[in-house]
Amino acid sequence: MSRKRLLIFVPPIAIVMALAALSFGKAARGFQTSALQKKRVAARGPLTGTKEILQVTTWQTPIRSVRRTLHSRAAQAHLAIETTRPEARVLWEADGGDLYSQVSSIRAVDLDSDGVMEVISLWRMRPGGPAALRVFHWDKEKGSFIELSAGEDLTGIHSYRVTGVGRARSSPKLVTYVQPDVLGSLPPVAGGEYIVRGSEVVRAGKSESGGRMDETIRSEGGIEGRAVITPTSPVLRTNMPKPDPAPFETSLVIVTAAEGREVARFKTGSDGRFRVTLPPGQYIVKPQMESRRWPRGGEQEVTVAAGKFTQITVTFDSGMR
C-alpha cells in the first residue's frame, strides 16, 4: 500500500524539480549569453594620410575564461581598422581583454594637425558606465597603427568632444567629461583638455573649479541632441496611445547647407545622444545612407550660432505598424 502511494506522489515532485532545474539553467545561460554586437562600421576616413579611405569596425565576442562570471555581458569588445569593401582587409586590431565589453563614441579626427586622422574611442565595462579613453594613430616611421600613450590616467570618462576643428581650424583639443558621483545622479562635468603630441596624449590645460569650462571652451558652439526611434511596438488599435520614442544608436552625417560639403560623420552613443563642435553657420543633419529601407530618418537644417549648441532630436521611423 505504501509503495503504491509512493508511486502516486513521487512523479509530481520529480516534475517540479525538473522544471525548476530547467528554468535555472535557462536563466544562467541567459545571464552568460547576452546578444553580442555584430561587426559594424563605426567611422571612415583617410587614416594613413593618403587618399585611401579606411574604415573602423567594432564587434563583440564571448569571453571564455573563469572571469566570465564576473561580467553581466560576458563579452569582449574589439576594434579594427581595415580597407573598405569589397576587398576588406584588416590592417590593425585592438581589443578590450576581459575588462571592457563595449567600445563606442568612435570618431576620426586630426588632433595634431599633421594631415593624418587619429581614431578616438571610449571602452566601457558595461553600457552607460564610465569608460577608458583610447586613441589610435598611424605611425609613419613604423608603417603601422599604434595606440597613443597617455600622460595621466584616462579612465572614468563619461564622454568627450573635440574643439578647434572644422573651417575655422585652430589648435585641436580633446575635452573630456567625467561623472562626479558613482550613482550617476549628477550631470557630467568637464574633466580636462588634451592634445596629441607625437605618440602621446597630454593635458593642455586644467578646467576651472567646480567642473566649469574655461572661456575658450565656452565660446565654441555646435549641434547636440539625440536620435530616437518610434514606434517601438505595434499599435493594435487606432485608439491605443502610441509608444514613447526610444533612444536609437545610429550613424549621422552633417553637411554644409549651401555647398553640401561633409563636415562630420559619427555614431551616436548607446543612449542616442551626440555632441559635435562646429563653426557658426547653416548645416543639414541627416542619417548615414544604408541599404536597408527601415529604420528611416529625415533631414534637418540647423543654424549654429557662435558660443551656442543648438539642440535637436533626430527621429527615425522603425517601420513597425
C-alpha atoms as a PDB file:
ATOM      1  CA  MET A   1       0.000   0.000   0.000  1.00  0.00           C
ATOM      2  CA  SER A   2       2.734   2.419   0.926  1.00  0.00           C
ATOM      3  CA  ARG A   3       4.629   1.594  -2.266  1.00  0.00           C
ATOM      4  CA  LYS A   4       1.564   2.443  -4.343  1.00  0.00           C
ATOM      5  CA  ARG A   5       1.230   5.818  -2.655  1.00  0.00           C
ATOM      6  CA  LEU A   6       4.887   6.498  -3.258  1.00  0.00           C
ATOM      7  CA  LEU A   7       4.401   5.850  -6.952  1.00  0.00           C
ATOM      8  CA  ILE A   8       1.461   8.269  -6.944  1.00  0.00           C
ATOM      9  CA  PHE A   9       3.172  11.187  -5.159  1.00  0.00           C
ATOM     10  CA  VAL A  10       6.814  10.975  -6.280  1.00  0.00           C
ATOM     11  CA  PRO A  11       6.327  11.772 -10.023  1.00  0.00           C
ATOM     12  CA  PRO A  12       4.758  15.222  -9.403  1.00  0.00           C
ATOM     13  CA  ILE A  13       7.645  16.151  -7.086  1.00  0.00           C
ATOM     14  CA  ALA A  14      10.146  14.970  -9.662  1.00  0.00           C
ATOM     15  CA  ILE A  15       8.431  17.008 -12.361  1.00  0.00           C
ATOM     16  CA  VAL A  16       8.540  20.159 -10.211  1.00  0.00           C
ATOM     17  CA  MET A  17      12.246  19.677  -9.516  1.00  0.00           C
ATOM     18  CA  ALA A  18      12.981  19.057 -13.186  1.00  0.00           C
ATOM     19  CA  LEU A  19      11.104  22.216 -14.245  1.00  0.00           C
ATOM     20  CA  ALA A  20      12.930  24.257 -11.605  1.00  0.00           C
ATOM     21  CA  ALA A  21      16.288  22.955 -12.776  1.00  0.00           C
ATOM     22  CA  LEU A  22      15.374  23.697 -16.394  1.00  0.00           C
ATOM     23  CA  SER A  23      14.314  27.264 -15.523  1.00  0.00           C
ATOM     24  CA  PHE A  24      17.522  27.847 -13.574  1.00  0.00           C
ATOM     25  CA  GLY A  25      19.572  26.533 -16.478  1.00  0.00           C
ATOM     26  CA  LYS A  26      17.842  28.891 -18.897  1.00  0.00           C
ATOM     27  CA  ALA A  27      18.361  31.855 -16.551  1.00  0.00           C
ATOM     28  CA  ALA A  28      22.037  31.025 -16.109  1.00  0.00           C
ATOM     29  CA  ARG A  29      22.559  30.663 -19.823  1.00  0.00           C
ATOM     30  CA  GLY A  30      20.683  33.908 -20.437  1.00  0.00           C
ATOM     31  CA  PHE A  31      22.982  35.670 -17.953  1.00  0.00           C
ATOM     32  CA  GLN A  32      26.094  34.492 -19.766  1.00  0.00           C
ATOM     33  CA  THR A  33      24.953  34.760 -23.383  1.00  0.00           C
ATOM     34  CA  SER A  34      23.537  38.264 -23.890  1.00  0.00           C
ATOM     35  CA  ALA A  35      23.113  39.256 -27.514  1.00  0.00           C
ATOM     36  CA  LEU A  36      26.547  40.116 -28.894  1.00  0.00           C
ATOM     37  CA  GLN A  37      27.178  43.131 -31.095  1.00  0.00           C
ATOM     38  CA  LYS A  38      27.831  42.066 -34.671  1.00  0.00           C
ATOM     39  CA  LYS A  39      30.588  43.622 -36.748  1.00  0.00           C
ATOM     40  CA  ARG A  40      29.674  47.109 -37.959  1.00  0.00           C
ATOM     41  CA  VAL A  41      31.356  50.163 -39.426  1.00  0.00           C
ATOM     42  CA  ALA A  42      31.729  52.953 -36.844  1.00  0.00           C
ATOM     43  CA  ALA A  43      33.774  55.535 -38.828  1.00  0.00           C
ATOM     44  CA  ARG A  44      35.555  56.100 -42.131  1.00  0.00           C
ATOM     45  CA  GLY A  45      38.339  58.420 -43.251  1.00  0.00           C
ATOM     46  CA  PRO A  46      41.872  58.848 -44.699  1.00  0.00           C
ATOM     47  CA  LEU A  47      43.549  57.349 -41.635  1.00  0.00           C
ATOM     48  CA  THR A  48      47.059  56.997 -43.090  1.00  0.00           C
ATOM     49  CA  GLY A  49      47.449  60.487 -44.576  1.00  0.00           C
ATOM     50  CA  THR A  50      46.775  59.275 -48.133  1.00  0.00           C
ATOM     51  CA  LYS A  51      43.642  59.479 -50.256  1.00  0.00           C
ATOM     52  CA  GLU A  52      42.731  55.903 -49.399  1.00  0.00           C
ATOM     53  CA  ILE A  53      39.609  55.719 -47.234  1.00  0.00           C
ATOM     54  CA  LEU A  54      39.787  53.170 -44.430  1.00  0.00           C
ATOM     55  CA  GLN A  55      37.022  52.077 -42.100  1.00  0.00           C
ATOM     56  CA  VAL A  56      36.873  51.477 -38.352  1.00  0.00           C
ATOM     57  CA  THR A  57      34.781  48.458 -37.363  1.00  0.00           C
ATOM     58  CA  THR A  58      33.679  47.221 -33.935  1.00  0.00           C
ATOM     59  CA  TRP A  59      32.143  43.990 -32.626  1.00  0.00           C
ATOM     60  CA  GLN A  60      31.920  41.729 -29.583  1.00  0.00           C
ATOM     61  CA  THR A  61      32.916  38.144 -28.867  1.00  0.00           C
ATOM     62  CA  PRO A  62      32.076  35.994 -25.810  1.00  0.00           C
ATOM     63  CA  ILE A  63      34.633  35.826 -23.017  1.00  0.00           C
ATOM     64  CA  ARG A  64      35.782  32.254 -22.483  1.00  0.00           C
ATOM     65  CA  SER A  65      37.581  32.394 -19.148  1.00  0.00           C
ATOM     66  CA  VAL A  66      36.963  31.973 -15.441  1.00  0.00           C
ATOM     67  CA  ARG A  67      36.391  35.742 -15.184  1.00  0.00           C
ATOM     68  CA  ARG A  68      33.348  35.449 -17.438  1.00  0.00           C
ATOM     69  CA  THR A  69      31.001  35.053 -14.452  1.00  0.00           C
ATOM     70  CA  LEU A  70      32.083  38.462 -13.146  1.00  0.00           C
ATOM     71  CA  HIS A  71      30.687  40.329 -16.166  1.00  0.00           C
ATOM     72  CA  SER A  72      26.973  40.812 -16.812  1.00  0.00           C
ATOM     73  CA  ARG A  73      27.504  40.954 -20.582  1.00  0.00           C
ATOM     74  CA  ALA A  74      30.240  38.277 -20.685  1.00  0.00           C
ATOM     75  CA  ALA A  75      31.632  39.891 -23.835  1.00  0.00           C
ATOM     76  CA  GLN A  76      34.900  41.274 -25.154  1.00  0.00           C
ATOM     77  CA  ALA A  77      34.986  44.424 -27.276  1.00  0.00           C
ATOM     78  CA  HIS A  78      37.007  44.619 -30.499  1.00  0.00           C
ATOM     79  CA  LEU A  79      38.040  47.465 -32.804  1.00  0.00           C
ATOM     80  CA  ALA A  80      39.702  47.011 -36.192  1.00  0.00           C
ATOM     81  CA  ILE A  81      40.980  49.330 -38.912  1.00  0.00           C
ATOM     82  CA  GLU A  82      40.549  47.804 -42.342  1.00  0.00           C
ATOM     83  CA  THR A  83      40.279  48.540 -46.035  1.00  0.00           C
ATOM     84  CA  THR A  84      36.821  49.177 -47.425  1.00  0.00           C
ATOM     85  CA  ARG A  85      34.741  46.601 -49.176  1.00  0.00           C
ATOM     86  CA  PRO A  86      34.643  44.546 -51.340  1.00  0.00           C
ATOM     87  CA  GLU A  87      38.305  43.725 -50.631  1.00  0.00           C
ATOM     88  CA  ALA A  88      38.083  44.307 -46.878  1.00  0.00           C
ATOM     89  CA  ARG A  89      41.423  43.522 -45.220  1.00  0.00           C
ATOM     90  CA  VAL A  90      42.276  44.060 -41.549  1.00  0.00           C
ATOM     91  CA  LEU A  91      45.300  46.346 -41.096  1.00  0.00           C
ATOM     92  CA  TRP A  92      45.267  46.598 -37.314  1.00  0.00           C
ATOM     93  CA  GLU A  93      43.161  45.411 -34.385  1.00  0.00           C
ATOM     94  CA  ALA A  94      42.697  46.178 -30.671  1.00  0.00           C
ATOM     95  CA  ASP A  95      40.513  44.507 -28.040  1.00  0.00           C
ATOM     96  CA  GLY A  96      39.237  45.121 -24.523  1.00  0.00           C
ATOM     97  CA  GLY A  97      40.611  41.949 -22.940  1.00  0.00           C
ATOM     98  CA  ASP A  98      38.478  40.531 -20.119  1.00  0.00           C
ATOM     99  CA  LEU A  99      37.784  44.045 -18.812  1.00  0.00           C
ATOM    100  CA  TYR A 100      35.980  46.076 -21.490  1.00  0.00           C
ATOM    101  CA  SER A 101      32.811  44.721 -23.078  1.00  0.00           C
ATOM    102  CA  GLN A 102      31.822  47.691 -25.252  1.00  0.00           C
ATOM    103  CA  VAL A 103      33.577  50.253 -27.455  1.00  0.00           C
ATOM    104  CA  SER A 104      31.623  53.350 -28.506  1.00  0.00           C
ATOM    105  CA  SER A 105      31.784  57.099 -29.303  1.00  0.00           C
ATOM    106  CA  ILE A 106      34.275  56.487 -32.125  1.00  0.00           C
ATOM    107  CA  ARG A 107      35.492  59.485 -34.138  1.00  0.00           C
ATOM    108  CA  ALA A 108      38.216  60.013 -36.717  1.00  0.00           C
ATOM    109  CA  VAL A 109      39.754  63.483 -36.213  1.00  0.00           C
ATOM    110  CA  ASP A 110      43.134  65.068 -36.977  1.00  0.00           C
ATOM    111  CA  LEU A 111      44.076  66.050 -33.421  1.00  0.00           C
ATOM    112  CA  ASP A 112      47.652  67.150 -34.078  1.00  0.00           C
ATOM    113  CA  SER A 113      47.047  68.949 -37.434  1.00  0.00           C
ATOM    114  CA  ASP A 114      49.558  66.751 -39.294  1.00  0.00           C
ATOM    115  CA  GLY A 115      47.131  65.695 -42.024  1.00  0.00           C
ATOM    116  CA  VAL A 116      46.589  62.234 -40.511  1.00  0.00           C
ATOM    117  CA  MET A 117      43.438  61.428 -38.549  1.00  0.00           C
ATOM    118  CA  GLU A 118      43.507  59.879 -35.097  1.00  0.00           C
ATOM    119  CA  VAL A 119      40.849  57.344 -34.076  1.00  0.00           C
ATOM    120  CA  ILE A 120      39.258  58.263 -30.724  1.00  0.00           C
ATOM    121  CA  SER A 121      37.221  55.696 -28.784  1.00  0.00           C
ATOM    122  CA  LEU A 122      35.635  55.015 -25.388  1.00  0.00           C
ATOM    123  CA  TRP A 123      35.909  51.500 -23.910  1.00  0.00           C
ATOM    124  CA  ARG A 124      33.351  50.561 -21.256  1.00  0.00           C
ATOM    125  CA  MET A 125      32.987  47.687 -18.793  1.00  0.00           C
ATOM    126  CA  ARG A 126      29.196  47.971 -19.122  1.00  0.00           C
ATOM    127  CA  PRO A 127      26.833  50.033 -21.318  1.00  0.00           C
ATOM    128  CA  GLY A 128      26.428  53.566 -19.999  1.00  0.00           C
ATOM    129  CA  GLY A 129      29.152  53.121 -17.387  1.00  0.00           C
ATOM    130  CA  PRO A 130      32.453  55.016 -17.055  1.00  0.00           C
ATOM    131  CA  ALA A 131      34.928  54.429 -19.859  1.00  0.00           C
ATOM    132  CA  ALA A 132      38.608  54.426 -20.720  1.00  0.00           C
ATOM    133  CA  LEU A 133      39.669  56.867 -23.441  1.00  0.00           C
ATOM    134  CA  ARG A 134      41.897  55.213 -26.073  1.00  0.00           C
ATOM    135  CA  VAL A 135      43.401  56.959 -29.126  1.00  0.00           C
ATOM    136  CA  PHE A 136      44.962  55.182 -32.116  1.00  0.00           C
ATOM    137  CA  HIS A 137      47.245  56.739 -34.713  1.00  0.00           C
ATOM    138  CA  TRP A 138      49.133  55.867 -37.913  1.00  0.00           C
ATOM    139  CA  ASP A 139      52.870  55.853 -37.245  1.00  0.00           C
ATOM    140  CA  LYS A 140      54.637  56.795 -40.493  1.00  0.00           C
ATOM    141  CA  GLU A 141      58.044  55.520 -39.339  1.00  0.00           C
ATOM    142  CA  LYS A 142      56.743  52.108 -38.254  1.00  0.00           C
ATOM    143  CA  GLY A 143      54.279  51.882 -41.128  1.00  0.00           C
ATOM    144  CA  SER A 144      51.600  50.663 -38.722  1.00  0.00           C
ATOM    145  CA  PHE A 145      48.872  51.856 -36.383  1.00  0.00           C
ATOM    146  CA  ILE A 146      49.748  52.279 -32.717  1.00  0.00           C
ATOM    147  CA  GLU A 147      47.894  53.174 -29.538  1.00  0.00           C
ATOM    148  CA  LEU A 148      48.980  56.541 -28.144  1.00  0.00           C
ATOM    149  CA  SER A 149      50.217  56.562 -24.573  1.00  0.00           C
ATOM    150  CA  ALA A 150      48.718  58.975 -22.037  1.00  0.00           C
ATOM    151  CA  GLY A 151      50.498  61.267 -19.630  1.00  0.00           C
ATOM    152  CA  GLU A 152      47.835  60.530 -16.990  1.00  0.00           C
ATOM    153  CA  ASP A 153      45.013  58.131 -16.186  1.00  0.00           C
ATOM    154  CA  LEU A 154      42.226  58.485 -18.778  1.00  0.00           C
ATOM    155  CA  THR A 155      39.697  56.123 -17.201  1.00  0.00           C
ATOM    156  CA  GLY A 156      36.385  57.047 -15.574  1.00  0.00           C
ATOM    157  CA  ILE A 157      35.428  59.125 -18.633  1.00  0.00           C
ATOM    158  CA  HIS A 158      31.716  59.754 -19.267  1.00  0.00           C
ATOM    159  CA  SER A 159      32.013  61.387 -22.709  1.00  0.00           C
ATOM    160  CA  TYR A 160      34.200  63.708 -24.768  1.00  0.00           C
ATOM    161  CA  ARG A 161      34.140  66.267 -27.554  1.00  0.00           C
ATOM    162  CA  VAL A 162      36.699  67.749 -29.925  1.00  0.00           C
ATOM    163  CA  THR A 163      37.259  71.509 -30.287  1.00  0.00           C
ATOM    164  CA  GLY A 164      39.287  73.538 -32.763  1.00  0.00           C
ATOM    165  CA  VAL A 165      38.436  71.571 -35.926  1.00  0.00           C
ATOM    166  CA  GLY A 166      36.426  72.464 -38.992  1.00  0.00           C
ATOM    167  CA  ARG A 167      36.510  75.526 -41.211  1.00  0.00           C
ATOM    168  CA  ALA A 168      37.977  77.851 -38.567  1.00  0.00           C
ATOM    169  CA  ARG A 169      40.700  75.417 -37.563  1.00  0.00           C
ATOM    170  CA  SER A 170      42.753  76.382 -34.529  1.00  0.00           C
ATOM    171  CA  SER A 171      44.602  74.104 -32.123  1.00  0.00           C
ATOM    172  CA  PRO A 172      42.515  70.902 -31.841  1.00  0.00           C
ATOM    173  CA  LYS A 173      41.790  69.764 -28.297  1.00  0.00           C
ATOM    174  CA  LEU A 174      40.118  66.750 -26.783  1.00  0.00           C
ATOM    175  CA  VAL A 175      37.762  67.798 -23.982  1.00  0.00           C
ATOM    176  CA  THR A 176      36.687  65.063 -21.559  1.00  0.00           C
ATOM    177  CA  TYR A 177      33.731  64.918 -19.178  1.00  0.00           C
ATOM    178  CA  VAL A 178      33.616  62.839 -16.014  1.00  0.00           C
ATOM    179  CA  GLN A 179      30.799  61.640 -13.743  1.00  0.00           C
ATOM    180  CA  PRO A 180      31.061  63.441 -10.370  1.00  0.00           C
ATOM    181  CA  ASP A 181      29.264  60.699  -8.418  1.00  0.00           C
ATOM    182  CA  VAL A 182      29.276  56.911  -8.504  1.00  0.00           C
ATOM    183  CA  LEU A 183      25.499  56.531  -8.916  1.00  0.00           C
ATOM    184  CA  GLY A 184      25.387  58.859 -11.923  1.00  0.00           C
ATOM    185  CA  SER A 185      22.671  61.073 -10.418  1.00  0.00           C
ATOM    186  CA  LEU A 186      24.590  64.305 -11.124  1.00  0.00           C
ATOM    187  CA  PRO A 187      25.288  65.638 -14.636  1.00  0.00           C
ATOM    188  CA  PRO A 188      28.799  65.151 -16.065  1.00  0.00           C
ATOM    189  CA  VAL A 189      31.344  67.938 -15.568  1.00  0.00           C
ATOM    190  CA  ALA A 190      34.406  68.969 -17.581  1.00  0.00           C
ATOM    191  CA  GLY A 191      37.407  66.837 -16.708  1.00  0.00           C
ATOM    192  CA  GLY A 192      40.230  68.353 -18.753  1.00  0.00           C
ATOM    193  CA  GLU A 193      41.625  69.339 -22.154  1.00  0.00           C
ATOM    194  CA  TYR A 194      44.131  67.171 -24.022  1.00  0.00           C
ATOM    195  CA  ILE A 195      46.217  67.430 -27.159  1.00  0.00           C
ATOM    196  CA  VAL A 196      48.221  64.911 -29.196  1.00  0.00           C
ATOM    197  CA  ARG A 197      51.960  65.479 -29.103  1.00  0.00           C
ATOM    198  CA  GLY A 198      53.969  62.897 -31.017  1.00  0.00           C
ATOM    199  CA  SER A 199      52.857  59.499 -29.755  1.00  0.00           C
ATOM    200  CA  GLU A 200      51.301  60.826 -26.524  1.00  0.00           C
ATOM    201  CA  VAL A 201      48.012  62.288 -25.336  1.00  0.00           C
ATOM    202  CA  VAL A 202      48.971  65.067 -22.910  1.00  0.00           C
ATOM    203  CA  ARG A 203      46.999  67.584 -20.876  1.00  0.00           C
ATOM    204  CA  ALA A 204      46.681  71.005 -22.490  1.00  0.00           C
ATOM    205  CA  GLY A 205      45.128  72.847 -19.550  1.00  0.00           C
ATOM    206  CA  LYS A 206      43.061  72.323 -16.435  1.00  0.00           C
ATOM    207  CA  SER A 207      39.368  73.112 -16.117  1.00  0.00           C
ATOM    208  CA  GLU A 208      38.130  75.598 -13.555  1.00  0.00           C
ATOM    209  CA  SER A 209      36.984  74.519 -10.113  1.00  0.00           C
ATOM    210  CA  GLY A 210      33.518  73.033  -9.870  1.00  0.00           C
ATOM    211  CA  GLY A 211      33.800  71.478 -13.309  1.00  0.00           C
ATOM    212  CA  ARG A 212      33.113  74.726 -15.211  1.00  0.00           C
ATOM    213  CA  MET A 213      34.829  75.081 -18.567  1.00  0.00           C
ATOM    214  CA  ASP A 214      37.165  77.969 -19.369  1.00  0.00           C
ATOM    215  CA  GLU A 215      36.362  80.809 -21.789  1.00  0.00           C
ATOM    216  CA  THR A 216      37.899  79.050 -24.801  1.00  0.00           C
ATOM    217  CA  ILE A 217      35.591  76.066 -24.445  1.00  0.00           C
ATOM    218  CA  ARG A 218      32.508  78.123 -23.598  1.00  0.00           C
ATOM    219  CA  SER A 219      32.987  80.294 -26.705  1.00  0.00           C
ATOM    220  CA  GLU A 220      32.560  77.344 -29.066  1.00  0.00           C
ATOM    221  CA  GLY A 221      29.246  76.092 -30.396  1.00  0.00           C
ATOM    222  CA  GLY A 222      27.789  73.296 -32.439  1.00  0.00           C
ATOM    223  CA  ILE A 223      24.954  70.784 -32.507  1.00  0.00           C
ATOM    224  CA  GLU A 224      23.920  68.407 -29.762  1.00  0.00           C
ATOM    225  CA  GLY A 225      20.915  66.214 -29.210  1.00  0.00           C
ATOM    226  CA  ARG A 226      19.787  62.650 -29.529  1.00  0.00           C
ATOM    227  CA  ALA A 227      18.439  60.149 -32.024  1.00  0.00           C
ATOM    228  CA  VAL A 228      15.202  58.323 -31.216  1.00  0.00           C
ATOM    229  CA  ILE A 229      13.137  55.656 -32.942  1.00  0.00           C
ATOM    230  CA  THR A 230       9.387  55.136 -32.995  1.00  0.00           C
ATOM    231  CA  PRO A 231       7.179  53.174 -32.828  1.00  0.00           C
ATOM    232  CA  THR A 232       8.871  50.547 -30.705  1.00  0.00           C
ATOM    233  CA  SER A 233       5.905  48.144 -30.676  1.00  0.00           C
ATOM    234  CA  PRO A 234       2.892  47.529 -32.913  1.00  0.00           C
ATOM    235  CA  VAL A 235      -0.215  49.647 -32.283  1.00  0.00           C
ATOM    236  CA  LEU A 236      -3.032  47.114 -32.446  1.00  0.00           C
ATOM    237  CA  ARG A 237      -5.984  49.536 -32.263  1.00  0.00           C
ATOM    238  CA  THR A 238      -6.422  53.059 -33.553  1.00  0.00           C
ATOM    239  CA  ASN A 239      -7.455  54.348 -30.116  1.00  0.00           C
ATOM    240  CA  MET A 240      -4.358  52.962 -28.424  1.00  0.00           C
ATOM    241  CA  PRO A 241      -1.689  55.526 -27.439  1.00  0.00           C
ATOM    242  CA  LYS A 242       1.498  55.423 -29.458  1.00  0.00           C
ATOM    243  CA  PRO A 243       4.560  54.025 -27.641  1.00  0.00           C
ATOM    244  CA  ASP A 244       7.100  56.599 -26.491  1.00  0.00           C
ATOM    245  CA  PRO A 245      10.185  57.027 -28.712  1.00  0.00           C
ATOM    246  CA  ALA A 246      13.209  55.014 -27.614  1.00  0.00           C
ATOM    247  CA  PRO A 247      16.902  56.031 -27.796  1.00  0.00           C
ATOM    248  CA  PHE A 248      18.474  54.907 -31.073  1.00  0.00           C
ATOM    249  CA  GLU A 249      22.170  54.211 -31.666  1.00  0.00           C
ATOM    250  CA  THR A 250      22.863  55.136 -35.287  1.00  0.00           C
ATOM    251  CA  SER A 251      25.224  56.971 -37.660  1.00  0.00           C
ATOM    252  CA  LEU A 252      24.671  60.588 -38.692  1.00  0.00           C
ATOM    253  CA  VAL A 253      26.255  62.918 -41.233  1.00  0.00           C
ATOM    254  CA  ILE A 254      26.490  66.722 -41.101  1.00  0.00           C
ATOM    255  CA  VAL A 255      26.972  68.745 -44.297  1.00  0.00           C
ATOM    256  CA  THR A 256      27.005  72.473 -45.026  1.00  0.00           C
ATOM    257  CA  ALA A 257      23.580  73.717 -46.163  1.00  0.00           C
ATOM    258  CA  ALA A 258      24.946  75.842 -49.021  1.00  0.00           C
ATOM    259  CA  GLU A 259      27.567  73.540 -50.540  1.00  0.00           C
ATOM    260  CA  GLY A 260      26.604  70.094 -49.277  1.00  0.00           C
ATOM    261  CA  ARG A 261      30.183  69.613 -48.069  1.00  0.00           C
ATOM    262  CA  GLU A 262      30.541  66.950 -45.397  1.00  0.00           C
ATOM    263  CA  VAL A 263      31.963  68.324 -42.133  1.00  0.00           C
ATOM    264  CA  ALA A 264      31.245  65.492 -39.688  1.00  0.00           C
ATOM    265  CA  ARG A 265      30.336  61.798 -39.716  1.00  0.00           C
ATOM    266  CA  PHE A 266      29.844  59.980 -36.427  1.00  0.00           C
ATOM    267  CA  LYS A 267      27.951  57.352 -34.447  1.00  0.00           C
ATOM    268  CA  THR A 268      25.663  58.333 -31.595  1.00  0.00           C
ATOM    269  CA  GLY A 269      26.031  56.813 -28.144  1.00  0.00           C
ATOM    270  CA  SER A 270      24.009  53.814 -26.974  1.00  0.00           C
ATOM    271  CA  ASP A 271      21.607  56.348 -25.421  1.00  0.00           C
ATOM    272  CA  GLY A 272      21.216  58.062 -28.805  1.00  0.00           C
ATOM    273  CA  ARG A 273      22.996  61.228 -27.669  1.00  0.00           C
ATOM    274  CA  PHE A 274      25.635  63.145 -29.610  1.00  0.00           C
ATOM    275  CA  ARG A 275      27.536  66.442 -29.449  1.00  0.00           C
ATOM    276  CA  VAL A 276      29.504  67.960 -32.346  1.00  0.00           C
ATOM    277  CA  THR A 277      31.558  71.170 -32.284  1.00  0.00           C
ATOM    278  CA  LEU A 278      31.074  73.355 -35.384  1.00  0.00           C
ATOM    279  CA  PRO A 279      31.764  76.929 -36.505  1.00  0.00           C
ATOM    280  CA  PRO A 280      28.732  79.253 -36.874  1.00  0.00           C
ATOM    281  CA  GLY A 281      26.673  78.600 -39.992  1.00  0.00           C
ATOM    282  CA  GLN A 282      23.854  76.638 -41.617  1.00  0.00           C
ATOM    283  CA  TYR A 283      24.088  72.838 -41.610  1.00  0.00           C
ATOM    284  CA  ILE A 284      21.999  69.824 -42.545  1.00  0.00           C
ATOM    285  CA  VAL A 285      21.943  66.791 -40.238  1.00  0.00           C
ATOM    286  CA  LYS A 286      20.925  63.575 -41.964  1.00  0.00           C
ATOM    287  CA  PRO A 287      21.138  59.817 -41.428  1.00  0.00           C
ATOM    288  CA  GLN A 288      24.020  57.949 -42.982  1.00  0.00           C
ATOM    289  CA  MET A 289      22.635  56.192 -46.044  1.00  0.00           C
ATOM    290  CA  GLU A 290      22.199  52.437 -45.638  1.00  0.00           C
ATOM    291  CA  SER A 291      20.978  49.704 -47.964  1.00  0.00           C
ATOM    292  CA  ARG A 292      18.004  48.720 -45.840  1.00  0.00           C
ATOM    293  CA  ARG A 293      14.709  50.582 -46.088  1.00  0.00           C
ATOM    294  CA  TRP A 294      13.945  50.680 -42.369  1.00  0.00           C
ATOM    295  CA  PRO A 295      14.589  52.336 -39.990  1.00  0.00           C
ATOM    296  CA  ARG A 296      14.291  55.569 -41.945  1.00  0.00           C
ATOM    297  CA  GLY A 297      15.080  59.104 -40.787  1.00  0.00           C
ATOM    298  CA  GLY A 298      14.688  62.562 -42.262  1.00  0.00           C
ATOM    299  CA  GLU A 299      16.997  65.543 -42.705  1.00  0.00           C
ATOM    300  CA  GLN A 300      17.093  68.655 -40.525  1.00  0.00           C
ATOM    301  CA  GLU A 301      18.503  72.085 -41.303  1.00  0.00           C
ATOM    302  CA  VAL A 302      20.185  73.578 -38.246  1.00  0.00           C
ATOM    303  CA  THR A 303      21.572  77.040 -37.515  1.00  0.00           C
ATOM    304  CA  VAL A 304      24.676  77.158 -35.315  1.00  0.00           C
ATOM    305  CA  ALA A 305      25.377  80.454 -33.545  1.00  0.00           C
ATOM    306  CA  ALA A 306      28.729  81.432 -32.042  1.00  0.00           C
ATOM    307  CA  GLY A 307      29.145  80.145 -28.496  1.00  0.00           C
ATOM    308  CA  LYS A 308      25.899  78.120 -28.508  1.00  0.00           C
ATOM    309  CA  PHE A 309      24.958  74.494 -29.020  1.00  0.00           C
ATOM    310  CA  THR A 310      21.721  74.009 -30.939  1.00  0.00           C
ATOM    311  CA  GLN A 311      19.549  71.226 -29.511  1.00  0.00           C
ATOM    312  CA  ILE A 312      17.846  68.834 -31.951  1.00  0.00           C
ATOM    313  CA  THR A 313      16.112  65.452 -31.957  1.00  0.00           C
ATOM    314  CA  VAL A 314      16.601  63.169 -34.947  1.00  0.00           C
ATOM    315  CA  THR A 315      13.564  60.880 -35.227  1.00  0.00           C
ATOM    316  CA  PHE A 316      13.670  57.558 -37.075  1.00  0.00           C
ATOM    317  CA  ASP A 317      10.648  55.602 -38.280  1.00  0.00           C
ATOM    318  CA  SER A 318      11.058  51.923 -37.361  1.00  0.00           C
ATOM    319  CA  GLY A 319       8.520  50.841 -39.989  1.00  0.00           C
ATOM    320  CA  MET A 320       6.616  48.883 -37.328  1.00  0.00           C
ATOM    321  CA  ARG A 321       2.841  49.149 -37.712  1.00  0.00           C
END
